[in-house]
Protein backbone atom coordinates (compact mmCIF):
# COMPACT_ATOMS: atom_id res chain seq x y z
CA MET A 1 21.93 1.33 17.70
CA ALA A 2 19.42 -1.08 16.71
CA THR A 3 20.48 -3.93 14.52
CA THR A 4 18.53 -4.32 11.19
CA GLN A 5 17.69 -7.95 10.70
CA VAL A 6 16.25 -9.46 7.31
CA SER A 7 13.44 -12.17 6.96
CA THR A 8 11.12 -13.40 4.50
CA VAL A 9 7.50 -14.28 4.72
CA THR A 10 5.02 -15.90 1.93
CA ALA A 11 2.23 -13.15 1.22
CA ASP A 12 0.01 -13.72 -2.04
CA GLY A 13 1.88 -16.76 -3.09
CA VAL A 14 5.25 -14.29 -3.00
CA SER A 15 8.35 -14.62 -0.78
CA VAL A 16 8.40 -11.17 0.43
CA PHE A 17 11.72 -10.00 1.83
CA TYR A 18 11.88 -7.32 4.41
CA ARG A 19 14.26 -5.47 6.64
CA HIS A 20 13.12 -4.86 10.25
CA ALA A 21 14.34 -3.70 13.66
CA GLY A 22 13.10 -2.27 16.72
CA PRO A 23 10.97 -3.53 19.83
CA PRO A 24 8.65 -6.06 18.72
CA SER A 25 6.20 -4.52 21.11
CA ALA A 26 6.58 -1.06 19.94
CA PRO A 27 4.43 1.06 17.69
CA VAL A 28 5.10 -0.09 14.08
CA ILE A 29 6.27 2.35 11.13
CA VAL A 30 6.02 0.36 7.80
CA LEU A 31 8.80 2.26 4.90
CA LEU A 32 7.73 1.79 1.27
CA HIS A 33 10.48 2.02 -1.54
CA GLY A 34 10.17 3.63 -4.89
CA PHE A 35 11.48 2.98 -8.46
CA PRO A 36 14.00 1.55 -9.06
CA SER A 37 14.92 0.80 -5.59
CA SER A 38 14.15 -1.45 -2.62
CA SER A 39 13.94 -1.60 1.04
CA HIS A 40 17.81 -0.96 0.88
CA GLN A 41 17.14 2.66 0.40
CA PHE A 42 16.06 2.47 4.25
CA ARG A 43 19.31 1.11 5.48
CA ASN A 44 20.22 4.38 7.12
CA LEU A 45 17.07 5.30 8.46
CA ILE A 46 15.94 2.30 10.06
CA PRO A 47 18.45 2.23 12.86
CA LEU A 48 17.49 5.90 13.61
CA LEU A 49 13.76 5.12 14.19
CA ALA A 50 14.28 1.76 15.65
CA THR A 51 15.03 3.15 18.95
CA ARG A 52 11.42 3.97 19.49
CA TYR A 53 9.65 1.75 16.99
CA ARG A 54 9.26 -1.37 15.22
CA VAL A 55 10.25 -0.58 11.75
CA ILE A 56 9.38 -2.91 8.78
CA ALA A 57 10.48 -2.09 5.22
CA PRO A 58 9.46 -4.74 2.51
CA ASP A 59 10.74 -5.16 -0.84
CA LEU A 60 7.67 -4.87 -3.39
CA PRO A 61 7.56 -7.52 -6.46
CA GLY A 62 9.92 -6.78 -9.02
CA TYR A 63 12.26 -4.96 -6.58
CA GLY A 64 15.18 -5.96 -4.19
CA PHE A 65 15.11 -9.69 -3.10
CA THR A 66 11.36 -10.58 -3.11
CA VAL A 67 11.11 -13.54 -4.97
CA VAL A 68 7.88 -14.05 -7.22
CA PRO A 69 7.84 -17.99 -8.53
CA GLU A 70 7.35 -18.12 -12.31
CA ALA A 71 4.26 -20.51 -11.82
CA ARG A 72 2.54 -17.49 -9.87
CA ASN A 73 2.21 -15.72 -13.31
CA TYR A 74 2.21 -12.31 -11.34
CA THR A 75 0.96 -9.37 -13.43
CA TYR A 76 3.01 -6.22 -12.57
CA THR A 77 0.53 -3.57 -11.86
CA PHE A 78 0.07 -1.36 -8.93
CA ALA A 79 -3.35 -3.24 -8.32
CA SER A 80 -1.15 -6.17 -7.69
CA LEU A 81 1.48 -4.66 -5.72
CA THR A 82 -1.25 -3.37 -3.33
CA THR A 83 -2.91 -6.94 -3.20
CA THR A 84 0.63 -8.38 -2.27
CA PHE A 85 1.37 -5.71 -0.07
CA SER A 86 -2.08 -6.26 1.99
CA ALA A 87 -1.15 -9.88 2.12
CA PHE A 88 2.05 -8.86 3.78
CA VAL A 89 0.31 -6.83 6.15
CA SER A 90 -1.96 -9.46 7.16
CA ALA A 91 1.06 -12.07 7.38
CA LEU A 92 2.80 -9.96 9.83
CA SER A 93 -0.56 -9.54 11.83
CA LEU A 94 -0.13 -5.50 11.30
CA SER A 95 -3.40 -4.02 12.97
CA ARG A 96 -2.38 -0.33 12.58
CA PHE A 97 0.78 1.49 11.50
CA ALA A 98 2.33 4.53 10.53
CA VAL A 99 3.37 4.47 6.80
CA TYR A 100 6.16 6.18 4.95
CA ILE A 101 5.50 6.59 1.22
CA PHE A 102 8.04 7.47 -1.47
CA ASP A 103 7.78 7.18 -5.15
CA TYR A 104 5.75 3.84 -6.20
CA GLY A 105 5.36 3.30 -2.45
CA ALA A 106 3.05 6.21 -2.21
CA PRO A 107 0.23 4.49 -4.49
CA THR A 108 0.54 1.24 -3.13
CA ALA A 109 0.31 2.28 0.29
CA LEU A 110 -2.76 4.73 -0.50
CA ARG A 111 -4.57 2.42 -2.36
CA PHE A 112 -4.62 -0.04 0.66
CA ALA A 113 -5.36 2.92 2.83
CA ILE A 114 -8.48 3.69 1.09
CA ASP A 115 -9.87 0.12 1.77
CA ASN A 116 -8.33 -0.12 5.21
CA PRO A 117 -8.38 3.53 6.56
CA ASP A 118 -8.35 2.13 10.24
CA SER A 119 -4.88 0.58 9.59
CA ILE A 120 -3.22 4.01 9.06
CA ALA A 121 -2.21 5.71 12.19
CA ALA A 122 -0.25 8.26 10.10
CA ILE A 123 1.44 8.98 6.80
CA ILE A 124 4.86 10.18 6.27
CA SER A 125 5.15 11.47 2.66
CA GLN A 126 8.88 11.77 1.34
CA ASN A 127 8.24 12.96 -2.30
CA GLY A 128 5.13 10.44 -2.45
CA ASN A 129 2.93 11.92 -4.57
CA ALA A 130 -0.90 12.19 -4.61
CA TYR A 131 -1.58 15.04 -6.69
CA GLU A 132 -1.45 16.01 -10.60
CA GLU A 133 0.80 19.10 -9.74
CA GLY A 134 3.29 17.04 -8.38
CA PHE A 135 4.66 15.75 -11.88
CA GLY A 136 7.31 17.09 -12.97
CA ALA A 137 6.72 17.76 -16.65
CA ASP A 138 10.06 17.06 -17.99
CA PHE A 139 10.41 13.98 -16.48
CA TRP A 140 7.12 12.50 -17.14
CA ALA A 141 6.88 13.58 -20.74
CA GLY A 142 7.98 10.55 -22.32
CA ILE A 143 6.01 8.52 -19.86
CA ARG A 144 2.97 10.32 -20.61
CA LYS A 145 3.39 10.09 -24.31
CA LEU A 146 3.40 6.44 -23.99
CA TRP A 147 0.10 6.49 -21.77
CA ALA A 148 -1.42 8.42 -24.68
CA SER A 149 -0.37 6.35 -27.61
CA ARG A 150 0.37 2.80 -26.35
CA ALA A 151 2.79 2.60 -29.15
CA ASP A 152 5.64 0.27 -29.03
CA GLU A 153 8.17 2.78 -30.53
CA ASP A 154 7.17 5.35 -27.39
CA ARG A 155 7.90 2.07 -25.04
CA LYS A 156 11.15 1.91 -26.97
CA ALA A 157 12.00 5.32 -26.34
CA LEU A 158 11.74 4.51 -22.65
CA ALA A 159 14.65 2.01 -22.68
CA PRO A 160 17.29 4.44 -21.24
CA VAL A 161 15.30 4.88 -18.11
CA VAL A 162 16.16 1.28 -16.83
CA GLU A 163 19.64 1.82 -17.42
CA LEU A 164 22.54 2.70 -15.16
CA PRO A 165 23.09 6.80 -16.13
CA PHE A 166 19.29 7.34 -15.52
CA THR A 167 19.41 5.21 -12.35
CA GLN A 168 22.49 7.65 -11.09
CA TRP A 169 20.73 10.61 -12.57
CA GLN A 170 17.56 9.95 -10.24
CA TYR A 171 20.02 9.72 -7.07
CA GLN A 172 22.24 12.73 -7.79
CA THR A 173 19.83 15.35 -9.74
CA GLY A 174 18.72 18.08 -7.52
CA SER A 175 21.19 17.19 -4.92
CA PRO A 176 23.48 19.88 -3.52
CA ASN A 177 25.99 17.33 -2.56
CA PRO A 178 25.96 14.59 -5.10
CA ASP A 179 29.44 13.31 -3.84
CA LYS A 180 27.91 12.23 -0.88
CA ILE A 181 25.68 9.79 -2.08
CA GLN A 182 27.32 6.35 -1.97
CA PRO A 183 27.53 4.67 -5.60
CA GLU A 184 26.66 1.39 -4.19
CA ALA A 185 23.23 2.41 -3.95
CA TYR A 186 22.25 2.92 -7.43
CA TYR A 187 24.66 0.12 -8.57
CA LEU A 188 22.70 -2.19 -6.49
CA ASP A 189 19.37 -0.91 -7.98
CA GLN A 190 20.71 -1.21 -11.26
CA ALA A 191 22.31 -4.75 -11.03
CA LEU A 192 18.81 -6.00 -9.79
CA MET A 193 17.28 -4.47 -12.76
CA GLU A 194 19.79 -6.52 -14.99
CA ARG A 195 18.05 -9.74 -13.81
CA PRO A 196 16.34 -11.51 -16.79
CA GLY A 197 12.90 -10.10 -17.41
CA ASN A 198 13.19 -7.30 -14.72
CA LYS A 199 13.52 -4.44 -17.39
CA LYS A 200 10.34 -5.56 -18.68
CA ILE A 201 8.64 -5.11 -15.53
CA GLN A 202 9.83 -1.91 -15.06
CA LEU A 203 8.41 -0.73 -18.21
CA ASP A 204 5.35 -2.51 -17.34
CA LEU A 205 4.82 -0.48 -14.31
CA LEU A 206 5.62 2.73 -15.55
CA TYR A 207 3.15 2.24 -18.15
CA ASP A 208 0.58 1.19 -15.42
CA TYR A 209 1.45 4.15 -13.26
CA ARG A 210 -1.28 5.97 -15.24
CA THR A 211 -4.21 3.90 -13.46
CA ASN A 212 -3.02 5.59 -10.16
CA ILE A 213 -3.99 9.21 -11.31
CA GLU A 214 -7.44 7.52 -11.45
CA PHE A 215 -7.34 6.95 -7.59
CA TYR A 216 -6.44 10.62 -6.85
CA PRO A 217 -10.03 11.93 -6.05
CA ARG A 218 -10.50 8.87 -3.81
CA PHE A 219 -6.81 9.40 -1.98
CA HIS A 220 -7.95 13.27 -1.63
CA GLU A 221 -11.36 12.05 -0.01
CA TYR A 222 -9.63 9.50 2.30
CA PHE A 223 -7.37 12.54 3.68
CA ARG A 224 -10.63 14.52 4.28
CA GLN A 225 -12.58 11.77 5.79
CA SER A 226 -10.20 9.82 7.99
CA LYS A 227 -8.46 13.02 9.45
CA VAL A 228 -5.05 11.15 9.16
CA PRO A 229 -2.37 13.08 10.35
CA VAL A 230 0.36 13.56 7.40
CA LEU A 231 3.98 14.72 7.36
CA THR A 232 5.27 15.84 3.98
CA ALA A 233 9.14 16.03 4.09
CA TRP A 234 10.02 16.92 0.31
CA GLY A 235 13.30 16.91 -1.39
CA LYS A 236 13.10 20.35 -3.10
CA GLY A 237 15.46 19.09 -6.02
CA ASP A 238 13.65 16.26 -7.19
CA PRO A 239 12.84 16.47 -10.93
CA CYS A 240 10.47 13.59 -10.80
CA PHE A 241 7.76 14.65 -8.00
CA ILE A 242 8.20 18.45 -7.61
CA PRO A 243 7.06 20.65 -4.57
CA PRO A 244 3.88 21.60 -5.66
CA GLY A 245 2.87 18.02 -5.10
CA ALA A 246 3.81 18.46 -1.37
CA GLU A 247 1.71 21.80 -1.13
CA ALA A 248 -1.33 20.19 -2.59
CA PHE A 249 -1.87 18.23 0.60
CA ALA A 250 -2.91 21.29 2.46
CA ARG A 251 -6.09 21.17 0.42
CA ASP A 252 -7.53 17.85 1.76
CA VAL A 253 -5.40 17.58 5.18
CA ASP A 254 -6.69 19.57 8.23
CA LYS A 255 -3.94 22.01 8.93
CA ASP A 256 -3.63 21.06 12.38
CA ARG A 257 -2.86 17.50 11.18
CA LEU A 258 -0.42 18.55 8.63
CA MET A 259 3.40 19.09 9.18
CA VAL A 260 4.94 20.20 5.99
CA ARG A 261 8.88 20.47 5.75
CA TRP A 262 11.77 20.70 2.94
CA LEU A 263 14.95 19.36 2.38
CA ASP A 264 17.80 20.45 0.24
CA ALA A 265 17.74 17.28 -1.47
CA SER A 266 17.04 15.03 -4.68
CA HIS A 267 14.49 12.24 -4.93
CA PHE A 268 16.52 10.07 -3.10
CA ALA A 269 16.58 12.49 -0.04
CA ILE A 270 17.39 10.19 2.72
CA GLU A 271 20.79 9.18 0.81
CA THR A 272 22.14 12.41 2.49
CA ASN A 273 19.70 13.76 4.81
CA GLU A 274 18.41 10.52 7.02
CA LYS A 275 19.25 12.18 10.35
CA GLN A 276 17.17 15.32 9.60
CA MET A 277 14.44 12.82 8.43
CA ALA A 278 14.26 10.74 11.26
CA ASP A 279 14.12 13.67 13.71
CA TRP A 280 11.18 15.13 11.92
CA ILE A 281 9.35 11.61 11.79
CA LEU A 282 9.91 11.22 15.45
CA GLU A 283 8.62 14.56 16.06
CA PHE A 284 5.85 13.96 14.05
CA LEU A 285 4.68 10.84 15.57
CA ASP A 286 5.31 12.01 19.05
CA LYS A 287 3.03 14.88 18.36
CA TYR A 288 0.18 12.85 16.87
CA ASN A 289 0.52 9.91 18.81
CA ASP A 290 0.25 12.13 21.74
CA HIS A 291 -3.16 13.66 20.22
CA GLU A 292 -4.43 9.66 19.69
CA LYS A 293 -3.48 9.09 23.35
CA LYS A 294 -5.27 12.32 24.73
CA ALA A 295 -8.39 11.38 22.47
CA ALA A 296 -8.42 8.00 23.98
CA GLU A 297 -8.17 9.45 27.38
CA TRP A 298 -11.21 11.82 26.66
CA THR A 299 -13.13 8.91 25.21
CA VAL A 300 -12.39 6.69 28.45
CA LYS A 301 -13.38 9.92 30.65
CA ALA A 302 -16.61 10.26 28.61
CA GLU A 303 -17.56 6.53 28.72
CA GLU A 304 -17.01 6.70 32.48
CA THR A 305 -18.92 9.86 32.96
CA GLU A 306 -22.04 8.32 31.19
CA ARG A 307 -21.74 5.33 33.07
CA ARG A 308 -21.74 7.14 36.38
CA ARG A 309 -24.61 9.12 34.93
CA ARG A 310 -26.54 6.02 34.09
CA ASP A 311 -25.75 4.32 37.48
CA ARG A 312 -27.40 7.48 39.23
CA ILE A 313 -30.36 7.30 37.44
CA ALA A 314 -30.66 3.39 37.98
CA ARG A 315 -30.43 4.24 41.72
CA ARG A 316 -32.96 6.69 41.69
CA VAL A 317 -35.36 4.37 39.65
CA GLN A 318 -34.63 1.74 42.48
CA GLN A 319 -35.23 4.25 45.04
CA ARG A 320 -38.77 5.47 44.09
CA PRO A 321 -40.69 2.18 44.86
CA ALA A 322 -39.35 2.37 48.35
CA GLU A 323 -40.17 6.03 49.03
CA ARG A 324 -43.86 5.14 47.67
CA LEU A 325 -44.10 2.42 50.22
CA ALA A 326 -42.99 4.68 52.95
CA SER A 327 -45.43 7.50 51.92
CA ALA A 328 -48.39 4.86 52.08
């Protein structure tokens, strides 16, 4: 099994921590985590994919072990996360890659994609929402109240969202086997949120999440125009992003480029279903990489056919003066 390594790279003035594994020359898969986690959530998935792919999982600013210098005066919005992610992609010279989107990773990657459509070879959405119907009403009720009111009292009412019981709840709720979820996952997330100033960052991003909804029409247009293949692999028990969000992709993604799978799992589905997820991802990428390969082969054949046609015409044009001289 491939060994996962850790590295840092400076991007957008931020020291971005990332995990990576797999052959450097292999096709790339980028894994983007959600709230309140980090690349640590992919610790079990990375080795399973790295047998055939170069796998890269960064920590977004405000999460994991990525360090934002105080002098950077970083503004914690999804626009900023996207800018930093774009700089990270450039720093690693990633020209084209598949991307695994989950929770906060979804709007971050999709904002990047609408400006860089040729960079995205395929999308794996594991509870990575892009549709209004994907919001779990109960989970988002208090957050939507803050969006509407902008009131300090409504922000204060969200304080439990950044405490351990809620973090544990996100991992376990909706899972048929919560006892199989290793506690170090949510304890690490919580420990990192306990750093000075981090809970404010998390509440800032919860408030800013509303701006992602404004991008949804552009995301949908991107799906339609780019013809990007999409795998939706959804934890059915997720109270945050519910199954209708997965079903909605069918409105904008061509059915022959959409693969839909369901997991009997929670929001953090790969805590218990990483092997099934890896199998589906490899199946999906094999299928659509093959489509890309065949499309490239057909393009080469078409170009070769056209070149030969032009050569024949050129030869005929060259022969005509000689034919006229012979008949004179």
